[in-house]
Amino acid sequence: MEANTTIKPGPVAAWTERPPEALGNYWHWDGDEDHRAVVVDVGIIFDGVAYASTLLCEGLTPVADMQGWWQPVEQPVLPTGRRFA
């Protein structure tokens, strides 16, 4: 069976200044036009505080201390057409 090679992008979530409250991967942009957005992993919620880590820094940072803009990283549509939630 040949896989469908036409992949249509899904809807893109809007950017928000509200820090994430759920576990997952998010784009984070600090608002400086000279800086790129980076993907952060919100991997721990302890006593109601979400913590994030990136590939570029060591340790965990409370997301409330990370000023800027947030957007969830959406799961891609796979070549088979399936998308995970």
N, C-alpha and C. Protein backbone atom coordinates (compact mmCIF):
# COMPACT_ATOMS: atom_id res chain seq x y z
N MET A 1 0.83 -1.18 0.00
CA MET A 1 0.00 0.00 0.00
C MET A 1 0.88 1.24 0.00
N GLU A 2 0.59 2.14 -0.88
CA GLU A 2 1.38 3.37 -0.99
C GLU A 2 0.81 4.44 -0.06
N ALA A 3 1.69 5.09 0.68
CA ALA A 3 1.26 6.13 1.62
C ALA A 3 0.87 7.39 0.86
N ASN A 4 -0.08 8.10 1.38
CA ASN A 4 -0.48 9.38 0.82
C ASN A 4 0.63 10.39 1.08
N THR A 5 1.20 10.96 0.04
CA THR A 5 2.32 11.89 0.22
C THR A 5 1.86 13.35 0.32
N THR A 6 0.57 13.59 0.18
CA THR A 6 0.04 14.94 0.34
C THR A 6 -0.39 15.12 1.79
N ILE A 7 0.32 15.96 2.51
CA ILE A 7 0.02 16.18 3.92
C ILE A 7 -0.51 17.59 4.07
N LYS A 8 -1.72 17.69 4.60
CA LYS A 8 -2.34 19.00 4.80
C LYS A 8 -2.14 19.42 6.25
N PRO A 9 -1.63 20.62 6.47
CA PRO A 9 -1.45 21.06 7.86
C PRO A 9 -2.78 21.27 8.55
N GLY A 10 -2.79 21.05 9.84
CA GLY A 10 -3.99 21.27 10.64
C GLY A 10 -4.04 22.72 11.10
N PRO A 11 -5.06 23.06 11.87
CA PRO A 11 -5.15 24.43 12.38
C PRO A 11 -4.02 24.72 13.36
N VAL A 12 -3.59 25.94 13.39
CA VAL A 12 -2.52 26.36 14.28
C VAL A 12 -3.12 27.11 15.47
N ALA A 13 -2.70 26.74 16.65
CA ALA A 13 -3.19 27.42 17.86
C ALA A 13 -2.69 28.85 17.89
N ALA A 14 -3.45 29.72 18.50
CA ALA A 14 -3.07 31.12 18.62
C ALA A 14 -2.01 31.31 19.70
N TRP A 15 -1.16 32.31 19.53
CA TRP A 15 -0.20 32.68 20.56
C TRP A 15 -0.94 33.35 21.71
N THR A 16 -0.47 33.14 22.92
CA THR A 16 -1.06 33.76 24.09
C THR A 16 0.04 34.15 25.07
N GLU A 17 -0.21 35.19 25.86
CA GLU A 17 0.75 35.59 26.89
C GLU A 17 0.51 34.83 28.19
N ARG A 18 -0.53 34.04 28.25
CA ARG A 18 -0.83 33.26 29.45
C ARG A 18 0.05 32.01 29.49
N PRO A 19 0.84 31.83 30.55
CA PRO A 19 1.70 30.64 30.64
C PRO A 19 0.88 29.36 30.65
N PRO A 20 1.43 28.28 30.11
CA PRO A 20 0.70 27.01 30.09
C PRO A 20 0.47 26.47 31.49
N GLU A 21 -0.64 25.78 31.64
CA GLU A 21 -0.99 25.16 32.91
C GLU A 21 -1.05 23.65 32.80
N ALA A 22 -0.79 23.11 31.62
CA ALA A 22 -0.85 21.67 31.40
C ALA A 22 0.50 21.16 30.90
N LEU A 23 0.76 19.90 31.15
CA LEU A 23 1.99 19.28 30.65
C LEU A 23 1.98 19.24 29.13
N GLY A 24 3.15 19.30 28.54
CA GLY A 24 3.26 19.21 27.09
C GLY A 24 4.39 20.07 26.56
N ASN A 25 4.51 20.11 25.25
CA ASN A 25 5.52 20.92 24.59
C ASN A 25 4.86 22.20 24.06
N TYR A 26 5.59 23.30 24.22
CA TYR A 26 5.08 24.61 23.81
C TYR A 26 6.19 25.40 23.13
N TRP A 27 5.78 26.22 22.15
CA TRP A 27 6.68 27.24 21.65
C TRP A 27 6.68 28.36 22.67
N HIS A 28 7.86 28.93 22.95
CA HIS A 28 7.96 30.10 23.82
C HIS A 28 8.79 31.14 23.10
N TRP A 29 8.26 32.36 23.03
CA TRP A 29 8.97 33.49 22.43
C TRP A 29 8.96 34.62 23.43
N ASP A 30 10.13 35.20 23.67
CA ASP A 30 10.25 36.23 24.71
C ASP A 30 9.77 37.61 24.26
N GLY A 31 9.35 37.74 23.03
CA GLY A 31 8.83 39.02 22.55
C GLY A 31 9.85 39.90 21.86
N ASP A 32 11.13 39.51 21.90
CA ASP A 32 12.18 40.28 21.23
C ASP A 32 12.26 39.83 19.78
N GLU A 33 12.04 40.76 18.86
CA GLU A 33 12.02 40.43 17.42
C GLU A 33 13.34 39.85 16.92
N ASP A 34 14.42 40.05 17.67
CA ASP A 34 15.72 39.50 17.28
C ASP A 34 15.95 38.09 17.83
N HIS A 35 15.02 37.59 18.62
CA HIS A 35 15.16 36.25 19.21
C HIS A 35 14.18 35.28 18.55
N ARG A 36 14.62 34.04 18.40
CA ARG A 36 13.75 33.00 17.86
C ARG A 36 12.89 32.40 18.96
N ALA A 37 11.76 31.85 18.57
CA ALA A 37 10.95 31.06 19.49
C ALA A 37 11.66 29.72 19.70
N VAL A 38 11.55 29.18 20.92
CA VAL A 38 12.15 27.89 21.23
C VAL A 38 11.07 26.96 21.77
N VAL A 39 11.27 25.68 21.59
CA VAL A 39 10.34 24.70 22.14
C VAL A 39 10.76 24.38 23.56
N VAL A 40 9.81 24.46 24.48
CA VAL A 40 10.07 24.09 25.87
C VAL A 40 9.15 22.94 26.24
N ASP A 41 9.61 22.13 27.15
CA ASP A 41 8.85 21.00 27.64
C ASP A 41 8.35 21.32 29.04
N VAL A 42 7.04 21.49 29.18
CA VAL A 42 6.46 21.64 30.50
C VAL A 42 6.24 20.22 31.00
N GLY A 43 7.18 19.76 31.84
CA GLY A 43 7.20 18.36 32.20
C GLY A 43 6.85 18.05 33.64
N ILE A 44 6.76 19.09 34.47
CA ILE A 44 6.50 18.86 35.89
C ILE A 44 5.52 19.93 36.39
N ILE A 45 4.52 19.51 37.14
CA ILE A 45 3.67 20.44 37.87
C ILE A 45 3.75 20.00 39.33
N PHE A 46 4.30 20.88 40.17
CA PHE A 46 4.51 20.57 41.58
C PHE A 46 3.85 21.65 42.42
N ASP A 47 2.95 21.25 43.30
CA ASP A 47 2.20 22.20 44.13
C ASP A 47 1.54 23.29 43.30
N GLY A 48 1.00 22.91 42.14
CA GLY A 48 0.28 23.84 41.29
C GLY A 48 1.16 24.75 40.45
N VAL A 49 2.48 24.55 40.49
CA VAL A 49 3.41 25.37 39.70
C VAL A 49 3.96 24.53 38.56
N ALA A 50 3.81 25.01 37.33
CA ALA A 50 4.34 24.32 36.16
C ALA A 50 5.79 24.71 35.94
N TYR A 51 6.63 23.72 35.62
CA TYR A 51 8.06 23.95 35.36
C TYR A 51 8.40 23.51 33.95
N ALA A 52 9.30 24.26 33.31
CA ALA A 52 9.68 23.97 31.94
C ALA A 52 11.19 23.80 31.82
N SER A 53 11.58 23.05 30.82
CA SER A 53 13.00 22.93 30.47
C SER A 53 13.14 23.02 28.96
N THR A 54 14.31 23.47 28.52
CA THR A 54 14.61 23.53 27.09
C THR A 54 15.88 22.75 26.84
N LEU A 55 16.19 22.55 25.58
CA LEU A 55 17.44 21.89 25.24
C LEU A 55 18.64 22.79 25.48
N LEU A 56 18.38 24.10 25.59
CA LEU A 56 19.47 25.06 25.70
C LEU A 56 19.85 25.44 27.12
N CYS A 57 19.06 25.01 28.11
CA CYS A 57 19.38 25.40 29.48
C CYS A 57 19.36 24.18 30.38
N GLU A 58 20.04 24.29 31.49
CA GLU A 58 20.06 23.23 32.46
C GLU A 58 19.06 23.55 33.56
N GLY A 59 18.42 22.54 34.08
CA GLY A 59 17.49 22.75 35.18
C GLY A 59 16.10 23.09 34.71
N LEU A 60 15.26 23.38 35.69
CA LEU A 60 13.87 23.70 35.43
C LEU A 60 13.59 25.15 35.81
N THR A 61 12.68 25.77 35.07
CA THR A 61 12.29 27.16 35.32
C THR A 61 10.78 27.20 35.49
N PRO A 62 10.28 27.87 36.53
CA PRO A 62 8.83 28.04 36.62
C PRO A 62 8.33 28.83 35.41
N VAL A 63 7.29 28.30 34.73
CA VAL A 63 6.82 28.98 33.53
C VAL A 63 6.29 30.38 33.83
N ALA A 64 5.79 30.61 35.04
CA ALA A 64 5.31 31.94 35.40
C ALA A 64 6.44 32.96 35.37
N ASP A 65 7.70 32.53 35.52
CA ASP A 65 8.85 33.43 35.47
C ASP A 65 9.34 33.65 34.04
N MET A 66 8.79 32.93 33.08
CA MET A 66 9.21 33.04 31.69
C MET A 66 8.25 33.97 30.96
N GLN A 67 8.59 35.26 30.92
CA GLN A 67 7.75 36.26 30.27
C GLN A 67 7.77 36.04 28.77
N GLY A 68 6.67 36.35 28.13
CA GLY A 68 6.63 36.24 26.67
C GLY A 68 5.35 35.59 26.19
N TRP A 69 5.45 34.95 25.06
CA TRP A 69 4.30 34.40 24.36
C TRP A 69 4.42 32.88 24.27
N TRP A 70 3.27 32.21 24.28
CA TRP A 70 3.20 30.75 24.28
C TRP A 70 2.28 30.24 23.19
N GLN A 71 2.63 29.07 22.65
CA GLN A 71 1.76 28.40 21.68
C GLN A 71 2.00 26.90 21.80
N PRO A 72 0.95 26.09 21.94
CA PRO A 72 1.16 24.65 22.04
C PRO A 72 1.78 24.10 20.76
N VAL A 73 2.64 23.11 20.92
CA VAL A 73 3.20 22.40 19.76
C VAL A 73 2.17 21.33 19.39
N GLU A 74 1.62 21.43 18.21
CA GLU A 74 0.61 20.48 17.75
C GLU A 74 1.29 19.22 17.22
N GLN A 75 0.69 18.08 17.48
CA GLN A 75 1.17 16.84 16.89
C GLN A 75 0.96 16.91 15.38
N PRO A 76 1.94 16.47 14.60
CA PRO A 76 1.80 16.55 13.14
C PRO A 76 0.87 15.45 12.62
N VAL A 77 0.38 15.68 11.42
CA VAL A 77 -0.34 14.62 10.71
C VAL A 77 0.72 13.70 10.13
N LEU A 78 0.63 12.42 10.45
CA LEU A 78 1.59 11.44 9.95
C LEU A 78 1.34 11.15 8.48
N PRO A 79 2.32 10.59 7.77
CA PRO A 79 2.12 10.27 6.35
C PRO A 79 0.92 9.35 6.11
N THR A 80 0.53 8.59 7.13
CA THR A 80 -0.64 7.72 7.00
C THR A 80 -1.95 8.47 7.16
N GLY A 81 -1.87 9.76 7.56
CA GLY A 81 -3.06 10.57 7.75
C GLY A 81 -3.51 10.63 9.20
N ARG A 82 -2.86 9.88 10.09
CA ARG A 82 -3.26 9.86 11.49
C ARG A 82 -2.63 11.02 12.25
N ARG A 83 -3.37 11.59 13.18
CA ARG A 83 -2.86 12.64 14.07
C ARG A 83 -3.18 12.23 15.49
N PHE A 84 -2.19 12.27 16.36
CA PHE A 84 -2.39 11.95 17.77
C PHE A 84 -2.85 13.21 18.50
N ALA A 85 -3.63 13.03 19.53
CA ALA A 85 -4.13 14.17 20.31
C ALA A 85 -3.04 14.70 21.20
